[in-house]
Amino acid sequence: MGELSSHTQSVEPQSQAVRKLAVVATVISGIAVLGCITLALWNYNLTAKVNTLTTANASLNKTTQALTKQQKDTEALLQQVRLAANLSSISHALEQTSVVTNDFVLEKVTFNVAENGTLKGVLLNVNNQPNLGLGGAYQGYGKYNMASSTLTKKAEEVIDIAMKQYGTSDKIPVWDKNTKVEMTVQNYELGKREGGIFKLASQK
């Protein structure tokens, strides 16, 4: 009987230890579950914030691109306006008796500028000095009673003076001997210089 009683006493402390371990395990499990839930919620919130920031960033990127394009378009427009103003000023200066020879007076200058800002061509409209006017060598409608080589030389003199007066500047497109130049007299076709060579309209 004494031995049985001793065995019962040794089992009871083990049961209490098991119960304590079970409680501890339950608490730890609960904490772990709560931790998982907290992490899941944190991850969800973080993902939502990341998605919101991604959307906002994409929207900002589109806005930035639109503003950049608008700025470039505005700069291009301002450059065109400045170029037009510079060429207008040069035209006015050339037309105010800056280009005069013994035979011609330059009356009108028109610049043809390409979209990329290069000079596609120049139109010069001249009038005759009295010595070439009607009753002289001029027969009207852009025709003259003189040798083609002589008339060509007189026309090229006007073009070269106008080109020299036009000058060189980084604010205006280049005008050189290869620039296409059309020349009219009293708005009638006289000739054209292309590739550095002038040809009268009658030589076509």
Protein backbone atom coordinates (compact mmCIF):
# COMPACT_ATOMS: atom_id res chain seq x y z
CA MET A 1 0.00 0.00 0.00
CA GLY A 2 2.82 2.41 0.82
CA GLU A 3 4.41 1.92 -2.61
CA LEU A 4 1.14 2.67 -4.51
CA SER A 5 0.70 5.93 -2.59
CA SER A 6 4.20 7.05 -3.55
CA HIS A 7 3.55 6.39 -7.27
CA THR A 8 0.39 8.56 -7.24
CA GLN A 9 2.27 11.52 -5.80
CA SER A 10 4.93 11.46 -8.57
CA VAL A 11 2.28 11.48 -11.40
CA GLU A 12 0.47 14.57 -10.09
CA PRO A 13 3.39 17.04 -10.44
CA GLN A 14 3.92 15.79 -14.01
CA SER A 15 0.27 16.57 -14.87
CA GLN A 16 0.66 20.09 -13.55
CA ALA A 17 3.82 20.58 -15.59
CA VAL A 18 2.05 19.32 -18.72
CA ARG A 19 -0.81 21.72 -18.07
CA LYS A 20 1.60 24.62 -17.63
CA LEU A 21 3.35 23.70 -20.85
CA ALA A 22 0.00 23.49 -22.64
CA VAL A 23 -0.98 26.93 -21.36
CA VAL A 24 2.39 28.34 -22.41
CA ALA A 25 2.09 26.68 -25.82
CA THR A 26 -1.45 28.06 -26.22
CA VAL A 27 -0.30 31.55 -25.31
CA ILE A 28 2.66 31.32 -27.70
CA SER A 29 0.38 29.99 -30.43
CA GLY A 30 -2.03 32.86 -29.82
CA ILE A 31 0.77 35.37 -29.96
CA ALA A 32 2.05 33.75 -33.16
CA VAL A 33 -1.43 33.88 -34.73
CA LEU A 34 -1.83 37.51 -33.68
CA GLY A 35 1.61 38.22 -35.09
CA CYS A 36 0.68 36.57 -38.39
CA ILE A 37 -2.55 38.55 -38.54
CA THR A 38 -0.69 41.75 -37.74
CA LEU A 39 1.93 41.00 -40.41
CA ALA A 40 -0.80 40.16 -42.93
CA LEU A 41 -2.60 43.44 -42.19
CA TRP A 42 0.68 45.37 -42.33
CA ASN A 43 1.56 43.68 -45.63
CA TYR A 44 -1.90 44.47 -47.02
CA ASN A 45 -1.63 48.12 -45.99
CA LEU A 46 1.90 48.32 -47.38
CA THR A 47 0.77 46.79 -50.68
CA ALA A 48 -2.14 49.24 -50.86
CA LYS A 49 0.21 52.15 -50.21
CA VAL A 50 2.69 50.88 -52.81
CA ASN A 51 -0.13 50.55 -55.36
CA THR A 52 -1.35 54.06 -54.53
CA LEU A 53 2.18 55.45 -54.86
CA THR A 54 2.69 53.56 -58.13
CA THR A 55 -0.52 55.01 -59.53
CA ALA A 56 0.40 58.48 -58.30
CA ASN A 57 3.89 58.11 -59.76
CA ALA A 58 2.49 57.03 -63.14
CA SER A 59 0.13 60.01 -63.10
CA LEU A 60 2.99 62.32 -62.12
CA ASN A 61 5.14 60.85 -64.88
CA LYS A 62 2.42 61.54 -67.47
CA THR A 63 2.03 65.08 -66.15
CA THR A 64 5.79 65.60 -66.28
CA GLN A 65 5.95 64.30 -69.85
CA ALA A 66 3.06 66.57 -70.85
CA LEU A 67 4.72 69.58 -69.21
CA THR A 68 8.07 68.72 -70.83
CA LYS A 69 6.43 68.51 -74.25
CA GLN A 70 4.58 71.76 -73.63
CA GLN A 71 7.83 73.44 -72.61
CA LYS A 72 9.62 72.15 -75.73
CA ASP A 73 6.72 73.26 -77.94
CA THR A 74 6.77 76.69 -76.29
CA GLU A 75 10.55 76.98 -76.74
CA ALA A 76 10.23 75.96 -80.40
CA LEU A 77 7.45 78.50 -80.93
CA LEU A 78 9.48 81.24 -79.24
CA GLN A 79 12.45 80.35 -81.44
CA GLN A 80 10.26 80.62 -84.55
CA VAL A 81 8.91 83.97 -83.37
CA ARG A 82 12.44 85.27 -82.71
CA LEU A 83 13.59 84.04 -86.13
CA ALA A 84 10.60 85.63 -87.86
CA ALA A 85 11.29 88.91 -86.03
CA ASN A 86 14.98 88.85 -86.99
CA LEU A 87 14.24 88.08 -90.64
CA SER A 88 11.54 90.75 -90.73
CA SER A 89 14.04 93.28 -89.40
CA ILE A 90 16.60 92.25 -92.03
CA SER A 91 13.98 92.41 -94.80
CA HIS A 92 13.03 95.93 -93.71
CA ALA A 93 16.68 97.02 -93.67
CA LEU A 94 17.37 95.53 -97.13
CA GLU A 95 14.26 97.13 -98.58
CA GLN A 96 15.15 100.60 -97.29
CA THR A 97 17.55 101.34 -100.19
CA SER A 98 20.33 99.24 -98.65
CA VAL A 99 20.61 97.32 -101.92
CA VAL A 100 21.00 99.64 -104.88
CA THR A 101 23.08 99.23 -108.04
CA ASN A 102 23.42 101.33 -111.19
CA ASP A 103 20.71 99.16 -112.73
CA PHE A 104 18.36 97.94 -110.00
CA VAL A 105 16.77 98.94 -106.70
CA LEU A 106 15.70 96.16 -104.35
CA GLU A 107 12.07 96.71 -103.33
CA LYS A 108 10.95 93.50 -101.63
CA VAL A 109 12.68 90.58 -99.89
CA THR A 110 10.93 87.38 -98.87
CA PHE A 111 12.64 84.60 -96.92
CA ASN A 112 11.41 81.01 -97.18
CA VAL A 113 12.39 79.18 -94.00
CA ALA A 114 12.04 75.40 -93.53
CA GLU A 115 10.52 73.85 -90.40
CA ASN A 116 14.00 72.96 -89.13
CA GLY A 117 15.00 76.64 -89.31
CA THR A 118 17.19 76.46 -92.45
CA LEU A 119 16.82 78.94 -95.28
CA LYS A 120 15.10 77.17 -98.18
CA GLY A 121 15.15 80.16 -100.48
CA VAL A 122 15.04 83.91 -100.97
CA LEU A 123 12.82 85.94 -103.28
CA LEU A 124 14.13 89.33 -104.41
CA ASN A 125 11.83 91.70 -106.26
CA VAL A 126 13.61 94.63 -107.91
CA ASN A 127 12.70 97.71 -109.89
CA ASN A 128 14.72 99.28 -112.68
CA GLN A 129 16.88 102.31 -112.33
CA PRO A 130 15.89 105.01 -114.88
CA ASN A 131 18.62 103.96 -117.33
CA LEU A 132 17.01 100.50 -117.67
CA GLY A 133 13.38 101.54 -117.38
CA LEU A 134 10.81 101.61 -120.15
CA GLY A 135 12.32 103.44 -123.08
CA GLY A 136 15.67 101.95 -122.11
CA ALA A 137 16.68 98.26 -122.19
CA TYR A 138 13.59 97.10 -120.31
CA GLN A 139 10.82 95.85 -122.59
CA GLY A 140 8.34 94.99 -119.85
CA TYR A 141 7.17 91.67 -118.35
CA GLY A 142 10.68 90.84 -117.13
CA LYS A 143 12.26 91.06 -120.60
CA TYR A 144 15.32 93.13 -121.53
CA ASN A 145 16.95 94.11 -124.79
CA MET A 146 20.52 93.21 -123.83
CA ALA A 147 22.89 90.26 -123.90
CA SER A 148 21.99 87.45 -121.48
CA SER A 149 25.49 87.49 -120.00
CA THR A 150 25.22 91.23 -119.27
CA LEU A 151 21.79 90.91 -117.67
CA THR A 152 22.96 87.91 -115.64
CA LYS A 153 25.91 89.89 -114.30
CA LYS A 154 23.63 92.78 -113.31
CA ALA A 155 21.21 90.41 -111.53
CA GLU A 156 23.99 88.60 -109.67
CA GLU A 157 25.35 91.93 -108.47
CA VAL A 158 22.06 92.59 -106.68
CA ILE A 159 22.00 89.09 -105.18
CA ASP A 160 25.58 89.34 -103.91
CA ILE A 161 25.01 92.74 -102.30
CA ALA A 162 21.81 91.51 -100.62
CA MET A 163 23.57 88.39 -99.36
CA LYS A 164 26.44 90.50 -97.98
CA GLN A 165 24.00 92.88 -96.26
CA TYR A 166 22.13 89.86 -94.83
CA GLY A 167 25.35 88.92 -93.07
CA THR A 168 26.10 86.00 -90.77
CA SER A 169 24.73 85.45 -87.30
CA ASP A 170 23.76 82.53 -85.08
CA LYS A 171 20.33 84.18 -84.82
CA ILE A 172 19.52 83.72 -88.52
CA PRO A 173 19.86 80.81 -90.96
CA VAL A 174 22.81 80.70 -93.35
CA TRP A 175 22.53 82.38 -96.74
CA ASP A 176 25.40 81.44 -99.03
CA LYS A 177 25.99 81.00 -102.78
CA ASN A 178 24.23 77.63 -102.73
CA THR A 179 21.02 79.11 -101.30
CA LYS A 180 18.21 79.17 -103.87
CA VAL A 181 17.46 82.77 -104.88
CA GLU A 182 14.59 83.75 -107.16
CA MET A 183 14.62 87.19 -108.68
CA THR A 184 11.72 89.14 -110.13
CA VAL A 185 11.50 92.57 -111.70
CA GLN A 186 8.29 94.46 -110.98
CA ASN A 187 6.90 91.03 -109.90
CA TYR A 188 7.72 89.42 -113.25
CA GLU A 189 10.14 86.48 -113.28
CA LEU A 190 13.68 87.46 -114.15
CA GLY A 191 15.80 84.46 -113.16
CA LYS A 192 16.94 82.07 -110.49
CA ARG A 193 20.21 81.12 -108.81
CA GLU A 194 20.58 77.49 -107.73
CA GLY A 195 23.77 75.70 -106.76
CA GLY A 196 25.66 78.96 -107.25
CA ILE A 197 24.59 79.35 -110.88
CA PHE A 198 22.19 82.07 -112.05
CA LYS A 199 19.95 81.41 -115.03
CA LEU A 200 17.60 83.86 -116.65
CA ALA A 201 13.99 82.79 -117.03
CA SER A 202 14.47 83.04 -120.79
CA GLN A 203 17.27 80.44 -120.59
CA LYS A 204 15.03 77.62 -119.26
